[in-house]
Amino acid sequence: MGNKDIIKQHLDGMAEKDKAFAERYANDAKNLDACMDYIMQRARKEATKGMAIIEDNIVYGWAAHYYQEDNLKDEKKEAKDKPKQEIATKVKISKKVKAEKKSEYIELDLFGGTV
């Protein structure tokens, strides 16, 4: 299961439990790909020396925030003005499972893959 699937599963669960969120989640103007872009933009802001570790609950909060807010600014346009080095920041949100203990992190590659 990829990161996108994990986040979708979480959002689907939220929509089942919360009618108000379900209405926002069903908004045709929003989609999961744009949600993932929003999460990556937020993660880039947290990065230090090109890396950031973001806890699952924070990532899930960003995903929910994406669907709840109507007027999120497009930070991709702002990024065009930044030096290339800043744009190429790689952020890891690690998802590591130990023998019996599950970690609180999801591992994402900002450029679309799972790390």
C-alpha atoms as a PDB file:
ATOM      1  CA  MET A   1       0.000   0.000   0.000  1.00  0.00           C
ATOM      2  CA  GLY A   2       1.464   3.341  -1.057  1.00  0.00           C
ATOM      3  CA  ASN A   3       1.435   6.596   0.856  1.00  0.00           C
ATOM      4  CA  LYS A   4      -1.407   7.974  -1.220  1.00  0.00           C
ATOM      5  CA  ASP A   5      -3.488   4.879  -0.412  1.00  0.00           C
ATOM      6  CA  ILE A   6      -2.706   5.182   3.300  1.00  0.00           C
ATOM      7  CA  ILE A   7      -3.818   8.801   3.384  1.00  0.00           C
ATOM      8  CA  LYS A   8      -6.949   8.010   1.334  1.00  0.00           C
ATOM      9  CA  GLN A   9      -7.826   5.209   3.731  1.00  0.00           C
ATOM     10  CA  HIS A  10      -7.486   7.589   6.677  1.00  0.00           C
ATOM     11  CA  LEU A  11      -9.609  10.268   4.975  1.00  0.00           C
ATOM     12  CA  ASP A  12     -12.257   7.691   4.031  1.00  0.00           C
ATOM     13  CA  GLY A  13     -12.433   6.677   7.697  1.00  0.00           C
ATOM     14  CA  MET A  14     -12.813  10.289   8.770  1.00  0.00           C
ATOM     15  CA  ALA A  15     -15.616  10.793   6.234  1.00  0.00           C
ATOM     16  CA  GLU A  16     -17.460   7.739   7.580  1.00  0.00           C
ATOM     17  CA  LYS A  17     -17.342   9.103  11.129  1.00  0.00           C
ATOM     18  CA  ASP A  18     -17.943  12.813  10.455  1.00  0.00           C
ATOM     19  CA  LYS A  19     -20.808  13.962   8.218  1.00  0.00           C
ATOM     20  CA  ALA A  20     -19.510  17.542   7.990  1.00  0.00           C
ATOM     21  CA  PHE A  21     -16.088  16.312   6.872  1.00  0.00           C
ATOM     22  CA  ALA A  22     -17.730  13.886   4.415  1.00  0.00           C
ATOM     23  CA  GLU A  23     -19.391  16.849   2.662  1.00  0.00           C
ATOM     24  CA  ARG A  24     -16.041  18.650   2.327  1.00  0.00           C
ATOM     25  CA  TYR A  25     -14.292  15.438   1.254  1.00  0.00           C
ATOM     26  CA  ALA A  26     -16.850  14.945  -1.540  1.00  0.00           C
ATOM     27  CA  ASN A  27     -16.041  18.390  -3.020  1.00  0.00           C
ATOM     28  CA  ASP A  28     -15.382  17.891  -6.748  1.00  0.00           C
ATOM     29  CA  ALA A  29     -12.984  20.862  -6.753  1.00  0.00           C
ATOM     30  CA  LYS A  30     -10.599  18.898  -4.495  1.00  0.00           C
ATOM     31  CA  ASN A  31      -8.774  15.662  -5.270  1.00  0.00           C
ATOM     32  CA  LEU A  32      -6.274  13.325  -3.683  1.00  0.00           C
ATOM     33  CA  ASP A  33      -3.410  14.239  -6.034  1.00  0.00           C
ATOM     34  CA  ALA A  34      -3.741  17.913  -5.115  1.00  0.00           C
ATOM     35  CA  CYS A  35      -4.017  16.878  -1.465  1.00  0.00           C
ATOM     36  CA  MET A  36      -0.711  15.009  -1.750  1.00  0.00           C
ATOM     37  CA  ASP A  37       0.855  18.099  -3.366  1.00  0.00           C
ATOM     38  CA  TYR A  38      -0.405  20.201  -0.459  1.00  0.00           C
ATOM     39  CA  ILE A  39       1.095  17.745   2.049  1.00  0.00           C
ATOM     40  CA  MET A  40       4.446  17.870   0.238  1.00  0.00           C
ATOM     41  CA  GLN A  41       4.401  21.676   0.209  1.00  0.00           C
ATOM     42  CA  ARG A  42       3.802  21.717   3.950  1.00  0.00           C
ATOM     43  CA  ALA A  43       6.524  19.105   4.534  1.00  0.00           C
ATOM     44  CA  ARG A  44       9.032  21.145   2.514  1.00  0.00           C
ATOM     45  CA  LYS A  45       8.444  24.061   4.886  1.00  0.00           C
ATOM     46  CA  GLU A  46       9.427  21.817   7.799  1.00  0.00           C
ATOM     47  CA  ALA A  47      12.597  20.529   6.121  1.00  0.00           C
ATOM     48  CA  THR A  48      16.037  21.248   7.523  1.00  0.00           C
ATOM     49  CA  LYS A  49      18.999  20.498   5.279  1.00  0.00           C
ATOM     50  CA  GLY A  50      16.616  18.879   2.823  1.00  0.00           C
ATOM     51  CA  MET A  51      15.062  16.419   5.276  1.00  0.00           C
ATOM     52  CA  ALA A  52      12.099  16.349   7.632  1.00  0.00           C
ATOM     53  CA  ILE A  53      10.431  13.686   9.716  1.00  0.00           C
ATOM     54  CA  ILE A  54       6.743  14.360  10.107  1.00  0.00           C
ATOM     55  CA  GLU A  55       4.542  12.341  12.450  1.00  0.00           C
ATOM     56  CA  ASP A  56       1.526  10.565  10.955  1.00  0.00           C
ATOM     57  CA  ASN A  57      -0.983  12.625  12.914  1.00  0.00           C
ATOM     58  CA  ILE A  58       0.508  15.823  11.466  1.00  0.00           C
ATOM     59  CA  VAL A  59       0.345  14.475   7.892  1.00  0.00           C
ATOM     60  CA  TYR A  60      -3.241  13.331   8.422  1.00  0.00           C
ATOM     61  CA  GLY A  61      -4.070  16.752   9.842  1.00  0.00           C
ATOM     62  CA  TRP A  62      -2.648  18.435   6.752  1.00  0.00           C
ATOM     63  CA  ALA A  63      -4.709  16.119   4.538  1.00  0.00           C
ATOM     64  CA  ALA A  64      -7.899  16.957   6.441  1.00  0.00           C
ATOM     65  CA  HIS A  65      -7.009  20.663   6.366  1.00  0.00           C
ATOM     66  CA  TYR A  66      -6.670  20.516   2.576  1.00  0.00           C
ATOM     67  CA  TYR A  67     -10.267  19.339   2.252  1.00  0.00           C
ATOM     68  CA  GLN A  68     -11.624  21.694   4.918  1.00  0.00           C
ATOM     69  CA  GLU A  69     -10.160  24.927   3.551  1.00  0.00           C
ATOM     70  CA  ASP A  70     -11.495  26.605   0.430  1.00  0.00           C
ATOM     71  CA  ASN A  71      -8.816  29.260  -0.069  1.00  0.00           C
ATOM     72  CA  LEU A  72      -5.439  27.555   0.101  1.00  0.00           C
ATOM     73  CA  LYS A  73      -2.802  29.527  -1.778  1.00  0.00           C
ATOM     74  CA  ASP A  74      -0.873  27.822  -4.556  1.00  0.00           C
ATOM     75  CA  GLU A  75       2.661  27.603  -3.255  1.00  0.00           C
ATOM     76  CA  LYS A  76       3.933  26.031  -6.472  1.00  0.00           C
ATOM     77  CA  LYS A  77       3.708  29.436  -8.138  1.00  0.00           C
ATOM     78  CA  GLU A  78       5.709  30.962  -5.293  1.00  0.00           C
ATOM     79  CA  ALA A  79       8.308  28.204  -5.580  1.00  0.00           C
ATOM     80  CA  LYS A  80       9.166  29.229  -9.150  1.00  0.00           C
ATOM     81  CA  ASP A  81      10.816  32.336  -7.738  1.00  0.00           C
ATOM     82  CA  LYS A  82      13.000  30.406  -5.271  1.00  0.00           C
ATOM     83  CA  PRO A  83      16.459  29.061  -6.088  1.00  0.00           C
ATOM     84  CA  LYS A  84      16.522  25.569  -7.591  1.00  0.00           C
ATOM     85  CA  GLN A  85      18.295  24.136  -4.552  1.00  0.00           C
ATOM     86  CA  GLU A  86      15.370  25.053  -2.285  1.00  0.00           C
ATOM     87  CA  ILE A  87      12.817  23.525  -4.658  1.00  0.00           C
ATOM     88  CA  ALA A  88      14.667  20.225  -4.838  1.00  0.00           C
ATOM     89  CA  THR A  89      14.308  19.603  -1.109  1.00  0.00           C
ATOM     90  CA  LYS A  90      13.647  15.962  -0.301  1.00  0.00           C
ATOM     91  CA  VAL A  91      11.525  15.198   2.718  1.00  0.00           C
ATOM     92  CA  LYS A  92      11.114  11.848   4.345  1.00  0.00           C
ATOM     93  CA  ILE A  93       8.082  10.969   6.349  1.00  0.00           C
ATOM     94  CA  SER A  94       9.207   7.577   7.505  1.00  0.00           C
ATOM     95  CA  LYS A  95       6.901   4.594   7.985  1.00  0.00           C
ATOM     96  CA  LYS A  96       8.891   1.932   9.767  1.00  0.00           C
ATOM     97  CA  VAL A  97       7.349  -1.086  11.397  1.00  0.00           C
ATOM     98  CA  LYS A  98       9.322  -2.870  14.082  1.00  0.00           C
ATOM     99  CA  ALA A  99       8.646  -6.459  15.116  1.00  0.00           C
ATOM    100  CA  GLU A 100       5.657  -5.645  17.335  1.00  0.00           C
ATOM    101  CA  LYS A 101       5.614  -1.855  17.498  1.00  0.00           C
ATOM    102  CA  LYS A 102       4.329   0.357  14.730  1.00  0.00           C
ATOM    103  CA  SER A 103       6.119   3.657  14.172  1.00  0.00           C
ATOM    104  CA  GLU A 104       4.301   6.985  14.071  1.00  0.00           C
ATOM    105  CA  TYR A 105       5.761   7.959  10.687  1.00  0.00           C
ATOM    106  CA  ILE A 106       4.937   7.514   7.004  1.00  0.00           C
ATOM    107  CA  GLU A 107       7.830   7.601   4.568  1.00  0.00           C
ATOM    108  CA  LEU A 108       7.241   9.729   1.461  1.00  0.00           C
ATOM    109  CA  ASP A 109       9.465  10.947  -1.323  1.00  0.00           C
ATOM    110  CA  LEU A 110       8.540  14.481  -2.404  1.00  0.00           C
ATOM    111  CA  PHE A 111       9.019  13.524  -6.006  1.00  0.00           C
ATOM    112  CA  GLY A 112       6.210  10.979  -6.091  1.00  0.00           C
ATOM    113  CA  GLY A 113       7.619   7.693  -4.868  1.00  0.00           C
ATOM    114  CA  THR A 114       7.817   5.787  -1.658  1.00  0.00           C
ATOM    115  CA  VAL A 115      11.181   5.779   0.062  1.00  0.00           C
END
